[in-house]
């Protein structure tokens, strides 16, 4: 009789450990989804911006143009 209680207790402990792992996995997934949503929303607030490395250039000098805030599929004119 004492043995059966030991097996039952270990089964309950195993089930509790499994439930704990499942709950942790759910929280990790929710955190990942939530943080990626935050990154998308934060990135969407940026206005597209373009700039050059200098204010003025000499004739024939190479111009370096940089920018950020554009979608990957955005087209420029």
N, C-alpha and C. Protein backbone atom coordinates (compact mmCIF):
# COMPACT_ATOMS: atom_id res chain seq x y z
N UNK A 1 0.82 -1.19 0.00
CA UNK A 1 0.00 0.00 0.00
C UNK A 1 0.87 1.26 0.00
N UNK A 2 1.94 1.23 0.72
CA UNK A 2 2.84 2.36 0.77
C UNK A 2 3.49 2.60 -0.59
N UNK A 3 3.79 1.53 -1.30
CA UNK A 3 4.40 1.67 -2.63
C UNK A 3 3.46 2.35 -3.60
N UNK A 4 2.20 1.98 -3.60
CA UNK A 4 1.26 2.57 -4.55
C UNK A 4 1.12 4.07 -4.33
N UNK A 5 1.20 4.51 -3.08
CA UNK A 5 1.14 5.95 -2.81
C UNK A 5 2.38 6.65 -3.38
N UNK A 6 3.52 6.00 -3.29
CA UNK A 6 4.74 6.58 -3.83
C UNK A 6 4.68 6.73 -5.34
N UNK A 7 4.13 5.73 -6.03
CA UNK A 7 3.98 5.83 -7.47
C UNK A 7 2.97 6.90 -7.85
N UNK A 8 1.89 6.99 -7.09
CA UNK A 8 0.88 8.01 -7.38
C UNK A 8 1.46 9.40 -7.16
N UNK A 9 2.23 9.56 -6.11
CA UNK A 9 2.82 10.87 -5.84
C UNK A 9 3.81 11.25 -6.92
N UNK A 10 4.60 10.29 -7.39
CA UNK A 10 5.56 10.62 -8.44
C UNK A 10 4.84 10.93 -9.75
N UNK A 11 3.71 10.27 -10.00
CA UNK A 11 2.92 10.57 -11.20
C UNK A 11 2.34 11.97 -11.15
N UNK A 12 1.88 12.38 -9.97
CA UNK A 12 1.34 13.74 -9.81
C UNK A 12 2.45 14.76 -10.00
N UNK A 13 3.62 14.47 -9.43
CA UNK A 13 4.75 15.39 -9.58
C UNK A 13 5.15 15.50 -11.04
N UNK A 14 5.15 14.37 -11.74
CA UNK A 14 5.50 14.39 -13.16
C UNK A 14 4.48 15.20 -13.96
N UNK A 15 3.19 15.04 -13.66
CA UNK A 15 2.15 15.80 -14.35
C UNK A 15 2.27 17.29 -14.05
N UNK A 16 2.57 17.63 -12.81
CA UNK A 16 2.74 19.04 -12.45
C UNK A 16 3.94 19.63 -13.18
N UNK A 17 5.01 18.87 -13.31
CA UNK A 17 6.19 19.34 -14.02
C UNK A 17 5.87 19.54 -15.50
N UNK A 18 5.11 18.64 -16.08
CA UNK A 18 4.72 18.76 -17.49
C UNK A 18 3.84 19.97 -17.70
N UNK A 19 2.88 20.18 -16.80
CA UNK A 19 2.00 21.34 -16.91
C UNK A 19 2.82 22.62 -16.77
N UNK A 20 3.77 22.63 -15.86
CA UNK A 20 4.63 23.80 -15.69
C UNK A 20 5.42 24.11 -16.95
N UNK A 21 5.93 23.09 -17.61
CA UNK A 21 6.68 23.29 -18.85
C UNK A 21 5.78 23.82 -19.96
N UNK A 22 4.56 23.30 -20.02
CA UNK A 22 3.62 23.76 -21.05
C UNK A 22 3.26 25.22 -20.81
N UNK A 23 3.00 25.58 -19.56
CA UNK A 23 2.67 26.97 -19.23
C UNK A 23 3.85 27.88 -19.57
N UNK A 24 5.05 27.47 -19.25
CA UNK A 24 6.24 28.26 -19.58
C UNK A 24 6.38 28.42 -21.09
N UNK A 25 6.16 27.35 -21.83
CA UNK A 25 6.26 27.43 -23.30
C UNK A 25 5.22 28.38 -23.87
N UNK A 26 4.01 28.36 -23.32
CA UNK A 26 2.96 29.27 -23.80
C UNK A 26 3.36 30.71 -23.52
N UNK A 27 3.89 30.99 -22.33
CA UNK A 27 4.32 32.35 -22.02
C UNK A 27 5.47 32.81 -22.92
N UNK A 28 6.39 31.93 -23.22
CA UNK A 28 7.51 32.28 -24.10
C UNK A 28 6.99 32.61 -25.50
N UNK A 29 6.07 31.81 -26.01
CA UNK A 29 5.51 32.08 -27.34
C UNK A 29 4.74 33.39 -27.34
N UNK A 30 3.93 33.63 -26.32
CA UNK A 30 3.20 34.89 -26.25
C UNK A 30 4.14 36.09 -26.16
N UNK A 31 5.22 35.95 -25.41
CA UNK A 31 6.20 37.03 -25.32
C UNK A 31 6.84 37.30 -26.67
N UNK A 32 7.20 36.24 -27.40
CA UNK A 32 7.83 36.41 -28.70
C UNK A 32 6.87 37.08 -29.69
N UNK A 33 5.63 36.65 -29.71
CA UNK A 33 4.65 37.24 -30.61
C UNK A 33 4.40 38.70 -30.23
N UNK A 34 4.25 38.96 -28.95
CA UNK A 34 4.01 40.33 -28.49
C UNK A 34 5.17 41.25 -28.79
N UNK A 35 6.39 40.78 -28.58
CA UNK A 35 7.54 41.65 -28.84
C UNK A 35 7.74 41.89 -30.33
N UNK A 36 7.46 40.90 -31.18
CA UNK A 36 7.58 41.13 -32.62
C UNK A 36 6.49 42.09 -33.10
N UNK A 37 5.30 42.03 -32.50
CA UNK A 37 4.25 42.99 -32.83
C UNK A 37 4.67 44.39 -32.44
N UNK A 38 5.30 44.54 -31.27
CA UNK A 38 5.78 45.84 -30.83
C UNK A 38 6.82 46.40 -31.78
N UNK A 39 7.72 45.57 -32.25
CA UNK A 39 8.76 46.01 -33.19
C UNK A 39 8.11 46.48 -34.49
N UNK A 40 7.10 45.76 -34.98
CA UNK A 40 6.43 46.17 -36.21
C UNK A 40 5.72 47.50 -36.02
N UNK A 41 5.05 47.69 -34.90
CA UNK A 41 4.33 48.93 -34.64
C UNK A 41 5.31 50.08 -34.45
N UNK A 42 6.39 49.84 -33.71
CA UNK A 42 7.38 50.90 -33.49
C UNK A 42 8.05 51.28 -34.80
N UNK A 43 8.33 50.31 -35.65
CA UNK A 43 8.95 50.59 -36.95
C UNK A 43 8.01 51.31 -37.89
N UNK A 44 6.71 51.09 -37.75
CA UNK A 44 5.73 51.72 -38.63
C UNK A 44 5.59 53.20 -38.33
N UNK A 45 5.96 53.63 -37.12
CA UNK A 45 5.82 55.04 -36.75
C UNK A 45 6.91 55.91 -37.36
N UNK A 46 8.02 55.32 -37.75
CA UNK A 46 9.11 56.09 -38.34
C UNK A 46 8.69 56.60 -39.71
N UNK A 47 8.95 57.86 -39.94
CA UNK A 47 8.71 58.43 -41.25
C UNK A 47 9.91 58.13 -42.13
N UNK A 48 9.69 57.83 -43.39
CA UNK A 48 10.82 57.61 -44.30
C UNK A 48 11.71 58.86 -44.34
N UNK A 49 13.00 58.64 -44.37
CA UNK A 49 13.94 59.75 -44.33
C UNK A 49 15.12 59.45 -45.23
N UNK A 50 15.60 60.48 -45.93
CA UNK A 50 16.77 60.37 -46.82
C UNK A 50 17.74 61.48 -46.46
N UNK A 51 19.05 61.17 -46.50
CA UNK A 51 20.06 62.18 -46.24
C UNK A 51 21.33 61.86 -47.02
N UNK A 52 22.20 62.86 -47.13
CA UNK A 52 23.49 62.68 -47.79
C UNK A 52 24.60 62.88 -46.76
N UNK A 53 25.79 62.45 -47.08
CA UNK A 53 26.90 62.58 -46.13
C UNK A 53 27.49 63.99 -46.09
N UNK A 54 27.16 64.81 -47.08
CA UNK A 54 27.65 66.20 -47.11
C UNK A 54 26.51 67.12 -47.52
N UNK A 55 26.64 68.39 -47.18
CA UNK A 55 25.65 69.37 -47.61
C UNK A 55 25.89 69.82 -49.04
N UNK A 56 27.16 69.90 -49.46
CA UNK A 56 27.49 70.34 -50.81
C UNK A 56 28.55 69.43 -51.41
N UNK A 57 28.50 69.28 -52.74
CA UNK A 57 29.45 68.43 -53.46
C UNK A 57 30.07 69.22 -54.60
N UNK A 58 31.29 68.85 -54.98
CA UNK A 58 31.92 69.44 -56.16
C UNK A 58 31.42 68.70 -57.40
N UNK A 59 31.57 69.31 -58.53
CA UNK A 59 31.16 68.69 -59.79
C UNK A 59 31.96 67.40 -59.99
N UNK A 60 31.28 66.31 -60.29
CA UNK A 60 31.92 65.03 -60.54
C UNK A 60 32.16 64.20 -59.29
N UNK A 61 31.91 64.77 -58.12
CA UNK A 61 32.12 64.04 -56.88
C UNK A 61 30.98 63.04 -56.65
N UNK A 62 31.31 61.87 -56.10
CA UNK A 62 30.30 60.86 -55.82
C UNK A 62 29.46 61.26 -54.63
N UNK A 63 28.16 61.12 -54.78
CA UNK A 63 27.22 61.47 -53.72
C UNK A 63 26.79 60.19 -53.00
N UNK A 64 26.88 60.18 -51.68
CA UNK A 64 26.45 59.06 -50.88
C UNK A 64 25.07 59.40 -50.29
N UNK A 65 24.05 58.67 -50.71
CA UNK A 65 22.69 58.90 -50.24
C UNK A 65 22.30 57.74 -49.33
N UNK A 66 21.79 58.05 -48.14
CA UNK A 66 21.36 57.03 -47.18
C UNK A 66 19.91 57.30 -46.80
N UNK A 67 19.26 56.32 -46.20
CA UNK A 67 17.90 56.51 -45.77
C UNK A 67 17.41 55.39 -44.87
N UNK A 68 16.26 55.60 -44.25
CA UNK A 68 15.63 54.56 -43.44
C UNK A 68 14.13 54.84 -43.35
N UNK A 69 13.39 53.85 -42.91
CA UNK A 69 11.95 54.01 -42.72
C UNK A 69 11.13 53.60 -43.92
N UNK A 70 11.75 53.04 -44.93
CA UNK A 70 11.04 52.62 -46.13
C UNK A 70 10.71 51.14 -46.04
N UNK A 71 9.59 50.75 -46.63
CA UNK A 71 9.26 49.33 -46.75
C UNK A 71 10.19 48.70 -47.77
N UNK A 72 10.41 47.42 -47.65
CA UNK A 72 11.30 46.74 -48.59
C UNK A 72 10.79 46.83 -50.01
N UNK A 73 9.48 46.87 -50.18
CA UNK A 73 8.92 46.90 -51.54
C UNK A 73 8.62 48.31 -52.02
N UNK A 74 9.02 49.34 -51.24
CA UNK A 74 8.74 50.72 -51.61
C UNK A 74 9.54 51.10 -52.86
N UNK A 75 8.92 51.87 -53.72
CA UNK A 75 9.60 52.35 -54.94
C UNK A 75 9.86 53.83 -54.80
N UNK A 76 11.00 54.26 -55.29
CA UNK A 76 11.32 55.67 -55.26
C UNK A 76 11.07 56.29 -56.62
N UNK A 77 10.91 57.60 -56.62
CA UNK A 77 10.68 58.31 -57.87
C UNK A 77 11.82 59.24 -58.17
